[in-house]
Amino acid sequence: MTLASVSAIELIATVLFAIAIIHTFSVPAFAALAHKGGRHAGLWHLLSEVEAVFGFWAFVLLVAMAGLSGAGAAVEYMDTRNFTEPLFVFAIMVIAASRPILNLVTQLVGAVAALVPGSRSVAVYFLTLSVVPLLGSFITEPAAMTLAAVMLRDTSFHRIEDTRFKYFTLGVLFVNVSIGGVLTSYAAPPVLMVASTFGWDSAYMLAHFGWRAACAVVLNALIVTLCFHRLVRAQTPAASGEAGQERRVPLTVTAVHLAFLAAVVLFAHHPAVFVGLFLLFIGYTEAYRKYQRPLMIKEGLMVGFFLAGLVVLGGLQKWWLQDLLADMSPLVLYWGATALTAVTDNAALTYLGSLVDGTSEAWRTMLVAGAVTGGGLTVIANAPNPAGFAVLKGSFPGGTITPLALLLGAALPTAIAAVFFLLPV
């Protein structure tokens, strides 16, 4: 497509998309302005929230669209967007972080950790960064991200002040969740977008992607655990005060929560169904409030807002992105997809790639492999990342995560993932 054939609104959308990306790397500056106070401290605080960035610039795009083509055009554009993924991530994030499910996963990880010789804290840390991300292939990546992030927040991040430790851990978490969902064909957003078009089922994913991803996940978790095992081992064991005062969750309540989680995953492509189930879940938690902790409604809504903004802005990037992908050879495409994923959602990237005609199997494989490899580099690279970001940002200095530090923390695990995905068959 030539520049002359691009509409004004497409150019505006691309400029705003670029501004939004720059904005995500600039949130510490806005946070500093907010902390100074003043008349506009509230605005600076809003602009310092990474989860609000893409939603804010998507609103600017809609205002520009309404100004150029009328309010009807803006409304029509919104009506053609698919907001299933933001809704699903919101629902699954809230359910997965509920106390009964979190307690169950924590107990299972603890039971496995007890079988490992050495420090239990170190074993729990390793399993949280390895086994839980791999669970994303079955309970979906957003659910796995939420569980792992909450577990890290309540253990290692709560007791260890070392900022370097936190950024390297966060980098491994984001990368491992991105690649840990490729053992099946339905759990990772970038795979889900192309599995039907490419004719890939779960057996294909396991044979071509799964074993590579599993090896990289375990190695990434092992390396970061070895690097920081002294810090993790020195953690003070969790006090039993607060936990001991909470009511024990009955097995029936846990089973109901698991049923809701499974049902929402099963109907992930049917928003009318899973939103109805989610509302029923909210009612159930109110009925059995004594076995609950406050649900992560605010965090889930902010993550949903972030992803919805990405859908609105990303929907007008096809004019340059699809042609760019089509002109790449498989190996160049792999590195190109890895790099492009850092500045755009990897599910959108693979979807646009699936629209390219006449592609080879090698080209398709490299597209998806590159998209998941780069999924931990930034908060916008993979749909579950904003969920982990929302859960963990309060554990970082100033209550914010510096995008450049995240990029550096994710560099090594991304390189290790690349090694495995580029291994010859």
Foldseek 3Di string as FASTA:
>chain_A
DDPVPADPLLVVLVVLLVVLLVLLLCLVVLLVVLVVDDDCSVVSVQSSDNLCSLLVSLVVSLVVCCVVPNNVVSVVLLVPFDLLLLLLLLLLLLLLPKDLNLVVVLVVQQVVLVVDPDFSLLSSQLCLQAVLLLCLLPLALLSSLSSSLLVCVVAVLVFDQDQLLVLLSLLSNQLLNLLSNQLAQQRFLQSVLCCVLVVHGNVNSNVQRVVLSNVLSNVSSVVSSVVCVVSSSPGDPDDCVVVVVADDDDPVNSVVSVVLSVVCSVVSVPSVVNVVSSVVVVVVCVVVVSNTDDTPNVLSVSLSSSVSSLSSSLVSNLVPLLVVLLPDDLVRLLQVLLVVLQSHALSSNSNSPSPDPDDDPSNNLSSSLSLSLNRQQFCRSGSSSSSSQSSCQCSHVSSHDNSVSSNVSNVVSSVSSVVSSPDDD
